[in-house]
Amino acid sequence: MNVELTRFRVKKGKSEQVNEWLRFLNEHMKDVLITLEDEKMYVETIFRENLNGDEYLYWYSIQGEGGQEVEESENWIDKKHLHYWQECIDESFKPIDLKIEVVMIPEKVRTSMQ
């Protein structure tokens, strides 16, 4: 199982597109959840922060081993998601993986994730 929390910087001037992106994901949640199955993605959460004049998106995820990469998907939701990613995420900023100190998942939940 892979647990991650990663920070990505949003390109300047793309806040409105980020609003549209997050609204798109929320409005199509039924279809989004279907794509997570192939990725063996058990939990995926996006957080948003404005810090010192920059905007960041944080991805928190719990994923099983051997899942499909989103870039390999032929699903229309994933293709649209990647389009927003390319439009909004500042690739010149090296993503920051926050360090895991403790993972607290009850055994009965952990077992159902395998």
PDB file of N, CA and C in Angstrom:
ATOM      1  N   MET A   1       0.848  -1.178   0.000  1.00  0.00           N
ATOM      2  CA  MET A   1       0.000   0.000   0.000  1.00  0.00           C
ATOM      3  C   MET A   1       0.892   1.240   0.000  1.00  0.00           C
ATOM      4  N   ASN A   2       0.525   2.224  -0.798  1.00  0.00           N
ATOM      5  CA  ASN A   2       1.286   3.451  -0.932  1.00  0.00           C
ATOM      6  C   ASN A   2       0.443   4.620  -0.425  1.00  0.00           C
ATOM      7  N   VAL A   3       0.934   5.321   0.592  1.00  0.00           N
ATOM      8  CA  VAL A   3       0.250   6.484   1.158  1.00  0.00           C
ATOM      9  C   VAL A   3       1.087   7.709   0.822  1.00  0.00           C
ATOM     10  N   GLU A   4       0.462   8.719   0.219  1.00  0.00           N
ATOM     11  CA  GLU A   4       1.196   9.912  -0.207  1.00  0.00           C
ATOM     12  C   GLU A   4       0.415  11.187   0.085  1.00  0.00           C
ATOM     13  N   LEU A   5       1.178  12.248   0.325  1.00  0.00           N
ATOM     14  CA  LEU A   5       0.646  13.606   0.353  1.00  0.00           C
ATOM     15  C   LEU A   5       1.672  14.462  -0.380  1.00  0.00           C
ATOM     16  N   THR A   6       1.267  14.999  -1.528  1.00  0.00           N
ATOM     17  CA  THR A   6       2.194  15.736  -2.391  1.00  0.00           C
ATOM     18  C   THR A   6       1.612  17.106  -2.706  1.00  0.00           C
ATOM     19  N   ARG A   7       2.516  18.114  -2.693  1.00  0.00           N
ATOM     20  CA  ARG A   7       2.109  19.490  -2.986  1.00  0.00           C
ATOM     21  C   ARG A   7       2.581  19.874  -4.387  1.00  0.00           C
ATOM     22  N   PHE A   8       1.662  20.451  -5.162  1.00  0.00           N
ATOM     23  CA  PHE A   8       1.930  20.944  -6.507  1.00  0.00           C
ATOM     24  C   PHE A   8       1.547  22.416  -6.569  1.00  0.00           C
ATOM     25  N   ARG A   9       2.342  23.208  -7.253  1.00  0.00           N
ATOM     26  CA  ARG A   9       2.017  24.624  -7.389  1.00  0.00           C
ATOM     27  C   ARG A   9       1.167  24.848  -8.635  1.00  0.00           C
ATOM     28  N   VAL A  10       0.174  25.715  -8.488  1.00  0.00           N
ATOM     29  CA  VAL A  10      -0.706  26.099  -9.586  1.00  0.00           C
ATOM     30  C   VAL A  10      -0.037  27.230 -10.367  1.00  0.00           C
ATOM     31  N   LYS A  11      -0.154  27.176 -11.681  1.00  0.00           N
ATOM     32  CA  LYS A  11       0.372  28.250 -12.524  1.00  0.00           C
ATOM     33  C   LYS A  11      -0.330  29.563 -12.170  1.00  0.00           C
ATOM     34  N   LYS A  12       0.417  30.651 -12.242  1.00  0.00           N
ATOM     35  CA  LYS A  12      -0.157  31.981 -12.008  1.00  0.00           C
ATOM     36  C   LYS A  12      -1.299  32.224 -12.984  1.00  0.00           C
ATOM     37  N   GLY A  13      -2.374  32.800 -12.465  1.00  0.00           N
ATOM     38  CA  GLY A  13      -3.509  33.154 -13.310  1.00  0.00           C
ATOM     39  C   GLY A  13      -4.437  32.004 -13.655  1.00  0.00           C
ATOM     40  N   LYS A  14      -4.242  30.844 -13.037  1.00  0.00           N
ATOM     41  CA  LYS A  14      -5.054  29.670 -13.380  1.00  0.00           C
ATOM     42  C   LYS A  14      -6.068  29.285 -12.294  1.00  0.00           C
ATOM     43  N   SER A  15      -6.294  30.160 -11.339  1.00  0.00           N
ATOM     44  CA  SER A  15      -7.235  29.844 -10.250  1.00  0.00           C
ATOM     45  C   SER A  15      -8.638  29.542 -10.761  1.00  0.00           C
ATOM     46  N   GLU A  16      -9.088  30.291 -11.752  1.00  0.00           N
ATOM     47  CA  GLU A  16     -10.436  30.062 -12.287  1.00  0.00           C
ATOM     48  C   GLU A  16     -10.524  28.702 -12.966  1.00  0.00           C
ATOM     49  N   GLN A  17      -9.457  28.295 -13.663  1.00  0.00           N
ATOM     50  CA  GLN A  17      -9.438  26.970 -14.284  1.00  0.00           C
ATOM     51  C   GLN A  17      -9.386  25.880 -13.211  1.00  0.00           C
ATOM     52  N   VAL A  18      -8.693  26.143 -12.104  1.00  0.00           N
ATOM     53  CA  VAL A  18      -8.689  25.179 -10.996  1.00  0.00           C
ATOM     54  C   VAL A  18     -10.099  25.046 -10.431  1.00  0.00           C
ATOM     55  N   ASN A  19     -10.801  26.156 -10.275  1.00  0.00           N
ATOM     56  CA  ASN A  19     -12.200  26.103  -9.821  1.00  0.00           C
ATOM     57  C   ASN A  19     -13.018  25.202 -10.741  1.00  0.00           C
ATOM     58  N   GLU A  20     -12.851  25.408 -12.049  1.00  0.00           N
ATOM     59  CA  GLU A  20     -13.574  24.613 -13.051  1.00  0.00           C
ATOM     60  C   GLU A  20     -13.197  23.140 -12.937  1.00  0.00           C
ATOM     61  N   TRP A  21     -11.913  22.840 -12.781  1.00  0.00           N
ATOM     62  CA  TRP A  21     -11.401  21.477 -12.661  1.00  0.00           C
ATOM     63  C   TRP A  21     -12.006  20.760 -11.462  1.00  0.00           C
ATOM     64  N   LEU A  22     -11.953  21.408 -10.316  1.00  0.00           N
ATOM     65  CA  LEU A  22     -12.469  20.780  -9.099  1.00  0.00           C
ATOM     66  C   LEU A  22     -13.987  20.617  -9.164  1.00  0.00           C
ATOM     67  N   ARG A  23     -14.655  21.597  -9.761  1.00  0.00           N
ATOM     68  CA  ARG A  23     -16.104  21.488  -9.964  1.00  0.00           C
ATOM     69  C   ARG A  23     -16.416  20.312 -10.888  1.00  0.00           C
ATOM     70  N   PHE A  24     -15.636  20.167 -11.969  1.00  0.00           N
ATOM     71  CA  PHE A  24     -15.797  19.050 -12.898  1.00  0.00           C
ATOM     72  C   PHE A  24     -15.681  17.714 -12.161  1.00  0.00           C
ATOM     73  N   LEU A  25     -14.640  17.560 -11.348  1.00  0.00           N
ATOM     74  CA  LEU A  25     -14.457  16.302 -10.612  1.00  0.00           C
ATOM     75  C   LEU A  25     -15.638  16.035  -9.678  1.00  0.00           C
ATOM     76  N   ASN A  26     -16.073  17.059  -8.957  1.00  0.00           N
ATOM     77  CA  ASN A  26     -17.203  16.883  -8.040  1.00  0.00           C
ATOM     78  C   ASN A  26     -18.503  16.570  -8.775  1.00  0.00           C
ATOM     79  N   GLU A  27     -18.724  17.203  -9.910  1.00  0.00           N
ATOM     80  CA  GLU A  27     -19.960  16.986 -10.661  1.00  0.00           C
ATOM     81  C   GLU A  27     -19.999  15.624 -11.358  1.00  0.00           C
ATOM     82  N   HIS A  28     -18.858  15.017 -11.576  1.00  0.00           N
ATOM     83  CA  HIS A  28     -18.775  13.721 -12.254  1.00  0.00           C
ATOM     84  C   HIS A  28     -18.226  12.637 -11.327  1.00  0.00           C
ATOM     85  N   MET A  29     -18.508  12.782 -10.045  1.00  0.00           N
ATOM     86  CA  MET A  29     -17.914  11.887  -9.050  1.00  0.00           C
ATOM     87  C   MET A  29     -18.223  10.415  -9.309  1.00  0.00           C
ATOM     88  N   LYS A  30     -19.422  10.107  -9.762  1.00  0.00           N
ATOM     89  CA  LYS A  30     -19.764   8.709 -10.035  1.00  0.00           C
ATOM     90  C   LYS A  30     -18.782   8.109 -11.051  1.00  0.00           C
ATOM     91  N   ASP A  31     -18.498   8.852 -12.120  1.00  0.00           N
ATOM     92  CA  ASP A  31     -17.564   8.388 -13.144  1.00  0.00           C
ATOM     93  C   ASP A  31     -16.120   8.418 -12.650  1.00  0.00           C
ATOM     94  N   VAL A  32     -15.788   9.419 -11.842  1.00  0.00           N
ATOM     95  CA  VAL A  32     -14.438   9.511 -11.271  1.00  0.00           C
ATOM     96  C   VAL A  32     -14.147   8.270 -10.429  1.00  0.00           C
ATOM     97  N   LEU A  33     -15.088   7.884  -9.605  1.00  0.00           N
ATOM     98  CA  LEU A  33     -14.882   6.737  -8.714  1.00  0.00           C
ATOM     99  C   LEU A  33     -14.658   5.444  -9.493  1.00  0.00           C
ATOM    100  N   ILE A  34     -15.284   5.334 -10.650  1.00  0.00           N
ATOM    101  CA  ILE A  34     -15.081   4.146 -11.486  1.00  0.00           C
ATOM    102  C   ILE A  34     -13.629   4.071 -11.958  1.00  0.00           C
ATOM    103  N   THR A  35     -13.044   5.210 -12.325  1.00  0.00           N
ATOM    104  CA  THR A  35     -11.659   5.209 -12.805  1.00  0.00           C
ATOM    105  C   THR A  35     -10.678   4.824 -11.702  1.00  0.00           C
ATOM    106  N   LEU A  36     -11.037   5.080 -10.459  1.00  0.00           N
ATOM    107  CA  LEU A  36     -10.140   4.761  -9.344  1.00  0.00           C
ATOM    108  C   LEU A  36      -9.943   3.259  -9.179  1.00  0.00           C
ATOM    109  N   GLU A  37     -10.929   2.479  -9.593  1.00  0.00           N
ATOM    110  CA  GLU A  37     -10.835   1.019  -9.483  1.00  0.00           C
ATOM    111  C   GLU A  37      -9.607   0.479 -10.215  1.00  0.00           C
ATOM    112  N   ASP A  38      -9.427   0.896 -11.477  1.00  0.00           N
ATOM    113  CA  ASP A  38      -8.292   0.411 -12.270  1.00  0.00           C
ATOM    114  C   ASP A  38      -6.949   0.863 -11.695  1.00  0.00           C
ATOM    115  N   GLU A  39      -6.959   2.006 -11.034  1.00  0.00           N
ATOM    116  CA  GLU A  39      -5.732   2.539 -10.439  1.00  0.00           C
ATOM    117  C   GLU A  39      -5.425   1.909  -9.074  1.00  0.00           C
ATOM    118  N   LYS A  40      -6.359   1.085  -8.583  1.00  0.00           N
ATOM    119  CA  LYS A  40      -6.269   0.551  -7.221  1.00  0.00           C
ATOM    120  C   LYS A  40      -6.109   1.692  -6.211  1.00  0.00           C
ATOM    121  N   MET A  41      -6.830   2.772  -6.489  1.00  0.00           N
ATOM    122  CA  MET A  41      -6.809   3.958  -5.644  1.00  0.00           C
ATOM    123  C   MET A  41      -7.952   3.839  -4.642  1.00  0.00           C
ATOM    124  N   TYR A  42      -7.584   3.660  -3.376  1.00  0.00           N
ATOM    125  CA  TYR A  42      -8.589   3.480  -2.331  1.00  0.00           C
ATOM    126  C   TYR A  42      -9.108   4.816  -1.820  1.00  0.00           C
ATOM    127  N   VAL A  43      -8.223   5.797  -1.723  1.00  0.00           N
ATOM    128  CA  VAL A  43      -8.589   7.135  -1.257  1.00  0.00           C
ATOM    129  C   VAL A  43      -7.795   8.134  -2.080  1.00  0.00           C
ATOM    130  N   GLU A  44      -8.464   9.140  -2.588  1.00  0.00           N
ATOM    131  CA  GLU A  44      -7.769  10.245  -3.241  1.00  0.00           C
ATOM    132  C   GLU A  44      -8.499  11.523  -2.872  1.00  0.00           C
ATOM    133  N   THR A  45      -7.775  12.452  -2.302  1.00  0.00           N
ATOM    134  CA  THR A  45      -8.353  13.700  -1.825  1.00  0.00           C
ATOM    135  C   THR A  45      -7.479  14.851  -2.303  1.00  0.00           C
ATOM    136  N   ILE A  46      -8.107  15.917  -2.765  1.00  0.00           N
ATOM    137  CA  ILE A  46      -7.372  17.102  -3.209  1.00  0.00           C
ATOM    138  C   ILE A  46      -7.660  18.234  -2.229  1.00  0.00           C
ATOM    139  N   PHE A  47      -6.587  18.841  -1.732  1.00  0.00           N
ATOM    140  CA  PHE A  47      -6.677  20.016  -0.867  1.00  0.00           C
ATOM    141  C   PHE A  47      -6.134  21.212  -1.634  1.00  0.00           C
ATOM    142  N   ARG A  48      -6.559  22.394  -1.224  1.00  0.00           N
ATOM    143  CA  ARG A  48      -6.147  23.629  -1.899  1.00  0.00           C
ATOM    144  C   ARG A  48      -5.660  24.624  -0.855  1.00  0.00           C
ATOM    145  N   GLU A  49      -4.594  25.363  -1.190  1.00  0.00           N
ATOM    146  CA  GLU A  49      -4.035  26.335  -0.247  1.00  0.00           C
ATOM    147  C   GLU A  49      -3.450  27.511  -1.018  1.00  0.00           C
ATOM    148  N   ASN A  50      -3.630  28.704  -0.453  1.00  0.00           N
ATOM    149  CA  ASN A  50      -2.928  29.901  -0.917  1.00  0.00           C
ATOM    150  C   ASN A  50      -1.907  30.243   0.154  1.00  0.00           C
ATOM    151  N   LEU A  51      -0.639  30.375  -0.269  1.00  0.00           N
ATOM    152  CA  LEU A  51       0.447  30.591   0.677  1.00  0.00           C
ATOM    153  C   LEU A  51       1.452  31.568   0.069  1.00  0.00           C
ATOM    154  N   ASN A  52       1.631  32.695   0.728  1.00  0.00           N
ATOM    155  CA  ASN A  52       2.607  33.704   0.285  1.00  0.00           C
ATOM    156  C   ASN A  52       2.432  34.098  -1.180  1.00  0.00           C
ATOM    157  N   GLY A  53       1.187  34.249  -1.589  1.00  0.00           N
ATOM    158  CA  GLY A  53       0.903  34.694  -2.945  1.00  0.00           C
ATOM    159  C   GLY A  53       0.881  33.597  -4.001  1.00  0.00           C
ATOM    160  N   ASP A  54       1.163  32.369  -3.601  1.00  0.00           N
ATOM    161  CA  ASP A  54       1.105  31.242  -4.531  1.00  0.00           C
ATOM    162  C   ASP A  54      -0.039  30.320  -4.145  1.00  0.00           C
ATOM    163  N   GLU A  55      -0.570  29.646  -5.145  1.00  0.00           N
ATOM    164  CA  GLU A  55      -1.652  28.689  -4.917  1.00  0.00           C
ATOM    165  C   GLU A  55      -1.106  27.279  -5.108  1.00  0.00           C
ATOM    166  N   TYR A  56      -1.520  26.380  -4.222  1.00  0.00           N
ATOM    167  CA  TYR A  56      -1.054  24.996  -4.266  1.00  0.00           C
ATOM    168  C   TYR A  56      -2.239  24.045  -4.190  1.00  0.00           C
ATOM    169  N   LEU A  57      -2.072  22.904  -4.837  1.00  0.00           N
ATOM    170  CA  LEU A  57      -2.986  21.784  -4.676  1.00  0.00           C
ATOM    171  C   LEU A  57      -2.189  20.650  -4.044  1.00  0.00           C
ATOM    172  N   TYR A  58      -2.799  19.986  -3.082  1.00  0.00           N
ATOM    173  CA  TYR A  58      -2.190  18.847  -2.409  1.00  0.00           C
ATOM    174  C   TYR A  58      -3.002  17.612  -2.748  1.00  0.00           C
ATOM    175  N   TRP A  59      -2.330  16.550  -3.111  1.00  0.00           N
ATOM    176  CA  TRP A  59      -2.975  15.267  -3.363  1.00  0.00           C
ATOM    177  C   TRP A  59      -2.633  14.330  -2.219  1.00  0.00           C
ATOM    178  N   TYR A  60      -3.673  13.846  -1.536  1.00  0.00           N
ATOM    179  CA  TYR A  60      -3.509  12.814  -0.521  1.00  0.00           C
ATOM    180  C   TYR A  60      -4.109  11.543  -1.095  1.00  0.00           C
ATOM    181  N   SER A  61      -3.337  10.463  -1.045  1.00  0.00           N
ATOM    182  CA  SER A  61      -3.867   9.227  -1.616  1.00  0.00           C
ATOM    183  C   SER A  61      -3.394   8.002  -0.852  1.00  0.00           C
ATOM    184  N   ILE A  62      -4.223   6.994  -0.916  1.00  0.00           N
ATOM    185  CA  ILE A  62      -3.882   5.646  -0.456  1.00  0.00           C
ATOM    186  C   ILE A  62      -4.164   4.742  -1.639  1.00  0.00           C
ATOM    187  N   GLN A  63      -3.115   4.080  -2.112  1.00  0.00           N
ATOM    188  CA  GLN A  63      -3.217   3.305  -3.345  1.00  0.00           C
ATOM    189  C   GLN A  63      -2.585   1.933  -3.152  1.00  0.00           C
ATOM    190  N   GLY A  64      -3.219   0.933  -3.731  1.00  0.00           N
ATOM    191  CA  GLY A  64      -2.675  -0.416  -3.722  1.00  0.00           C
ATOM    192  C   GLY A  64      -1.565  -0.554  -4.750  1.00  0.00           C
ATOM    193  N   GLU A  65      -0.875  -1.650  -4.680  1.00  0.00           N
ATOM    194  CA  GLU A  65       0.227  -1.929  -5.600  1.00  0.00           C
ATOM    195  C   GLU A  65      -0.292  -2.408  -6.953  1.00  0.00           C
ATOM    196  N   GLY A  66       0.393  -2.012  -8.025  1.00  0.00           N
ATOM    197  CA  GLY A  66       0.101  -2.553  -9.345  1.00  0.00           C
ATOM    198  C   GLY A  66      -1.077  -1.941 -10.072  1.00  0.00           C
ATOM    199  N   GLY A  67      -1.552  -0.790  -9.632  1.00  0.00           N
ATOM    200  CA  GLY A  67      -2.668  -0.152 -10.315  1.00  0.00           C
ATOM    201  C   GLY A  67      -2.239   0.535 -11.593  1.00  0.00           C
ATOM    202  N   GLN A  68      -3.196   0.784 -12.455  1.00  0.00           N
ATOM    203  CA  GLN A  68      -2.950   1.469 -13.721  1.00  0.00           C
ATOM    204  C   GLN A  68      -2.595   2.932 -13.447  1.00  0.00           C
ATOM    205  N   GLU A  69      -1.628   3.455 -14.188  1.00  0.00           N
ATOM    206  CA  GLU A  69      -1.291   4.874 -14.104  1.00  0.00           C
ATOM    207  C   GLU A  69      -2.381   5.673 -14.815  1.00  0.00           C
ATOM    208  N   VAL A  70      -2.739   6.827 -14.269  1.00  0.00           N
ATOM    209  CA  VAL A  70      -3.787   7.648 -14.867  1.00  0.00           C
ATOM    210  C   VAL A  70      -3.422   8.026 -16.308  1.00  0.00           C
ATOM    211  N   GLU A  71      -2.131   8.201 -16.586  1.00  0.00           N
ATOM    212  CA  GLU A  71      -1.691   8.561 -17.929  1.00  0.00           C
ATOM    213  C   GLU A  71      -1.942   7.450 -18.947  1.00  0.00           C
ATOM    214  N   GLU A  72      -2.113   6.220 -18.486  1.00  0.00           N
ATOM    215  CA  GLU A  72      -2.359   5.082 -19.377  1.00  0.00           C
ATOM    216  C   GLU A  72      -3.846   4.858 -19.647  1.00  0.00           C
ATOM    217  N   SER A  73      -4.688   5.550 -18.932  1.00  0.00           N
ATOM    218  CA  SER A  73      -6.128   5.334 -19.026  1.00  0.00           C
ATOM    219  C   SER A  73      -6.699   5.878 -20.336  1.00  0.00           C
ATOM    220  N   GLU A  74      -7.688   5.166 -20.854  1.00  0.00           N
ATOM    221  CA  GLU A  74      -8.429   5.618 -22.028  1.00  0.00           C
ATOM    222  C   GLU A  74      -9.768   6.241 -21.627  1.00  0.00           C
ATOM    223  N   ASN A  75     -10.051   6.285 -20.340  1.00  0.00           N
ATOM    224  CA  ASN A  75     -11.310   6.821 -19.842  1.00  0.00           C
ATOM    225  C   ASN A  75     -11.397   8.330 -20.086  1.00  0.00           C
ATOM    226  N   TRP A  76     -12.551   8.795 -20.535  1.00  0.00           N
ATOM    227  CA  TRP A  76     -12.732  10.215 -20.842  1.00  0.00           C
ATOM    228  C   TRP A  76     -12.524  11.102 -19.618  1.00  0.00           C
ATOM    229  N   ILE A  77     -12.891  10.621 -18.449  1.00  0.00           N
ATOM    230  CA  ILE A  77     -12.697  11.397 -17.215  1.00  0.00           C
ATOM    231  C   ILE A  77     -11.204  11.625 -16.979  1.00  0.00           C
ATOM    232  N   ASP A  78     -10.414  10.586 -17.112  1.00  0.00           N
ATOM    233  CA  ASP A  78      -8.975  10.711 -16.902  1.00  0.00           C
ATOM    234  C   ASP A  78      -8.332  11.624 -17.938  1.00  0.00           C
ATOM    235  N   LYS A  79      -8.790  11.536 -19.164  1.00  0.00           N
ATOM    236  CA  LYS A  79      -8.247  12.402 -20.214  1.00  0.00           C
ATOM    237  C   LYS A  79      -8.546  13.877 -19.909  1.00  0.00           C
ATOM    238  N   LYS A  80      -9.760  14.152 -19.459  1.00  0.00           N
ATOM    239  CA  LYS A  80     -10.140  15.526 -19.098  1.00  0.00           C
ATOM    240  C   LYS A  80      -9.344  15.986 -17.869  1.00  0.00           C
ATOM    241  N   HIS A  81      -9.183  15.099 -16.903  1.00  0.00           N
ATOM    242  CA  HIS A  81      -8.413  15.395 -15.698  1.00  0.00           C
ATOM    243  C   HIS A  81      -6.968  15.766 -16.076  1.00  0.00           C
ATOM    244  N   LEU A  82      -6.361  14.999 -16.958  1.00  0.00           N
ATOM    245  CA  LEU A  82      -4.988  15.280 -17.383  1.00  0.00           C
ATOM    246  C   LEU A  82      -4.898  16.585 -18.182  1.00  0.00           C
ATOM    247  N   HIS A  83      -5.947  16.906 -18.931  1.00  0.00           N
ATOM    248  CA  HIS A  83      -5.988  18.180 -19.651  1.00  0.00           C
ATOM    249  C   HIS A  83      -5.941  19.343 -18.651  1.00  0.00           C
ATOM    250  N   TYR A  84      -6.777  19.273 -17.616  1.00  0.00           N
ATOM    251  CA  TYR A  84      -6.762  20.313 -16.585  1.00  0.00           C
ATOM    252  C   TYR A  84      -5.394  20.363 -15.900  1.00  0.00           C
ATOM    253  N   TRP A  85      -4.841  19.191 -15.617  1.00  0.00           N
ATOM    254  CA  TRP A  85      -3.520  19.121 -14.977  1.00  0.00           C
ATOM    255  C   TRP A  85      -2.497  19.914 -15.787  1.00  0.00           C
ATOM    256  N   GLN A  86      -2.421  19.624 -17.075  1.00  0.00           N
ATOM    257  CA  GLN A  86      -1.444  20.290 -17.944  1.00  0.00           C
ATOM    258  C   GLN A  86      -1.698  21.795 -18.018  1.00  0.00           C
ATOM    259  N   GLU A  87      -2.961  22.183 -17.964  1.00  0.00           N
ATOM    260  CA  GLU A  87      -3.312  23.598 -18.036  1.00  0.00           C
ATOM    261  C   GLU A  87      -2.995  24.336 -16.732  1.00  0.00           C
ATOM    262  N   CYS A  88      -3.127  23.655 -15.599  1.00  0.00           N
ATOM    263  CA  CYS A  88      -3.093  24.340 -14.304  1.00  0.00           C
ATOM    264  C   CYS A  88      -1.846  24.112 -13.452  1.00  0.00           C
ATOM    265  N   ILE A  89      -1.202  22.973 -13.565  1.00  0.00           N
ATOM    266  CA  ILE A  89      -0.090  22.646 -12.666  1.00  0.00           C
ATOM    267  C   ILE A  89       1.223  23.180 -13.232  1.00  0.00           C
ATOM    268  N   ASP A  90       1.961  23.879 -12.394  1.00  0.00           N
ATOM    269  CA  ASP A  90       3.239  24.478 -12.766  1.00  0.00           C
ATOM    270  C   ASP A  90       4.325  23.409 -12.741  1.00  0.00           C
ATOM    271  N   GLU A  91       4.694  22.917 -13.911  1.00  0.00           N
ATOM    272  CA  GLU A  91       5.683  21.850 -14.021  1.00  0.00           C
ATOM    273  C   GLU A  91       7.099  22.333 -13.677  1.00  0.00           C
ATOM    274  N   SER A  92       7.312  23.654 -13.620  1.00  0.00           N
ATOM    275  CA  SER A  92       8.642  24.166 -13.264  1.00  0.00           C
ATOM    276  C   SER A  92       8.892  24.068 -11.756  1.00  0.00           C
ATOM    277  N   PHE A  93       7.830  23.826 -10.988  1.00  0.00           N
ATOM    278  CA  PHE A  93       7.937  23.666  -9.538  1.00  0.00           C
ATOM    279  C   PHE A  93       8.056  22.186  -9.214  1.00  0.00           C
ATOM    280  N   LYS A  94       9.127  21.811  -8.541  1.00  0.00           N
ATOM    281  CA  LYS A  94       9.320  20.404  -8.178  1.00  0.00           C
ATOM    282  C   LYS A  94       8.288  20.024  -7.110  1.00  0.00           C
ATOM    283  N   PRO A  95       7.436  19.035  -7.387  1.00  0.00           N
ATOM    284  CA  PRO A  95       6.438  18.620  -6.393  1.00  0.00           C
ATOM    285  C   PRO A  95       7.121  18.227  -5.083  1.00  0.00           C
ATOM    286  N   ILE A  96       6.442  18.517  -3.998  1.00  0.00           N
ATOM    287  CA  ILE A  96       6.983  18.214  -2.676  1.00  0.00           C
ATOM    288  C   ILE A  96       6.174  17.085  -2.058  1.00  0.00           C
ATOM    289  N   ASP A  97       6.841  15.963  -1.786  1.00  0.00           N
ATOM    290  CA  ASP A  97       6.221  14.848  -1.077  1.00  0.00           C
ATOM    291  C   ASP A  97       6.443  15.058   0.406  1.00  0.00           C
ATOM    292  N   LEU A  98       5.357  15.200   1.145  1.00  0.00           N
ATOM    293  CA  LEU A  98       5.490  15.359   2.586  1.00  0.00           C
ATOM    294  C   LEU A  98       5.872  14.021   3.201  1.00  0.00           C
ATOM    295  N   LYS A  99       6.651  14.082   4.254  1.00  0.00           N
ATOM    296  CA  LYS A  99       7.172  12.879   4.897  1.00  0.00           C
ATOM    297  C   LYS A  99       6.102  12.229   5.775  1.00  0.00           C
ATOM    298  N   ILE A 100       5.926  10.939   5.588  1.00  0.00           N
ATOM    299  CA  ILE A 100       4.979  10.173   6.413  1.00  0.00           C
ATOM    300  C   ILE A 100       5.629   9.868   7.749  1.00  0.00           C
ATOM    301  N   GLU A 101       4.929  10.153   8.809  1.00  0.00           N
ATOM    302  CA  GLU A 101       5.401   9.842  10.151  1.00  0.00           C
ATOM    303  C   GLU A 101       4.600   8.705  10.782  1.00  0.00           C
ATOM    304  N   VAL A 102       3.293   8.704  10.544  1.00  0.00           N
ATOM    305  CA  VAL A 102       2.421   7.685  11.126  1.00  0.00           C
ATOM    306  C   VAL A 102       1.281   7.421  10.154  1.00  0.00           C
ATOM    307  N   VAL A 103       0.964   6.156   9.931  1.00  0.00           N
ATOM    308  CA  VAL A 103      -0.208   5.773   9.138  1.00  0.00           C
ATOM    309  C   VAL A 103      -1.145   5.023  10.080  1.00  0.00           C
ATOM    310  N   MET A 104      -2.341   5.547  10.238  1.00  0.00           N
ATOM    311  CA  MET A 104      -3.317   4.940  11.147  1.00  0.00           C
ATOM    312  C   MET A 104      -4.523   4.454  10.349  1.00  0.00           C
ATOM    313  N   ILE A 105      -4.510   3.184  10.023  1.00  0.00           N
ATOM    314  CA  ILE A 105      -5.614   2.558   9.317  1.00  0.00           C
ATOM    315  C   ILE A 105      -5.949   1.294  10.094  1.00  0.00           C
ATOM    316  N   PRO A 106      -7.169   1.219  10.638  1.00  0.00           N
ATOM    317  CA  PRO A 106      -7.553   0.008  11.384  1.00  0.00           C
ATOM    318  C   PRO A 106      -7.385  -1.243  10.517  1.00  0.00           C
ATOM    319  N   GLU A 107      -7.030  -2.325  11.152  1.00  0.00           N
ATOM    320  CA  GLU A 107      -6.752  -3.582  10.444  1.00  0.00           C
ATOM    321  C   GLU A 107      -7.915  -4.027   9.561  1.00  0.00           C
ATOM    322  N   LYS A 108      -9.157  -3.902  10.050  1.00  0.00           N
ATOM    323  CA  LYS A 108     -10.298  -4.334   9.245  1.00  0.00           C
ATOM    324  C   LYS A 108     -10.444  -3.494   7.988  1.00  0.00           C
ATOM    325  N   VAL A 109     -10.075  -2.216   8.034  1.00  0.00           N
ATOM    326  CA  VAL A 109     -10.108  -1.357   6.852  1.00  0.00           C
ATOM    327  C   VAL A 109      -8.941  -1.706   5.941  1.00  0.00           C
ATOM    328  N   ARG A 110      -7.767  -1.850   6.517  1.00  0.00           N
ATOM    329  CA  ARG A 110      -6.559  -2.212   5.753  1.00  0.00           C
ATOM    330  C   ARG A 110      -6.769  -3.530   4.998  1.00  0.00           C
ATOM    331  N   THR A 111      -7.363  -4.507   5.655  1.00  0.00           N
ATOM    332  CA  THR A 111      -7.627  -5.809   5.037  1.00  0.00           C
ATOM    333  C   THR A 111      -8.557  -5.662   3.840  1.00  0.00           C
ATOM    334  N   SER A 112      -9.560  -4.808   3.945  1.00  0.00           N
ATOM    335  CA  SER A 112     -10.505  -4.629   2.831  1.00  0.00           C
ATOM    336  C   SER A 112      -9.875  -3.886   1.663  1.00  0.00           C
ATOM    337  N   MET A 113      -8.727  -3.259   1.879  1.00  0.00           N
ATOM    338  CA  MET A 113      -8.037  -2.530   0.802  1.00  0.00           C
ATOM    339  C   MET A 113      -7.155  -3.452  -0.026  1.00  0.00           C
ATOM    340  N   GLN A 114      -6.980  -4.675   0.369  1.00  0.00           N
ATOM    341  CA  GLN A 114      -6.055  -5.554  -0.352  1.00  0.00           C
ATOM    342  C   GLN A 114      -6.751  -6.399  -1.377  1.00  0.00           C
TER     343      GLN A 114
END
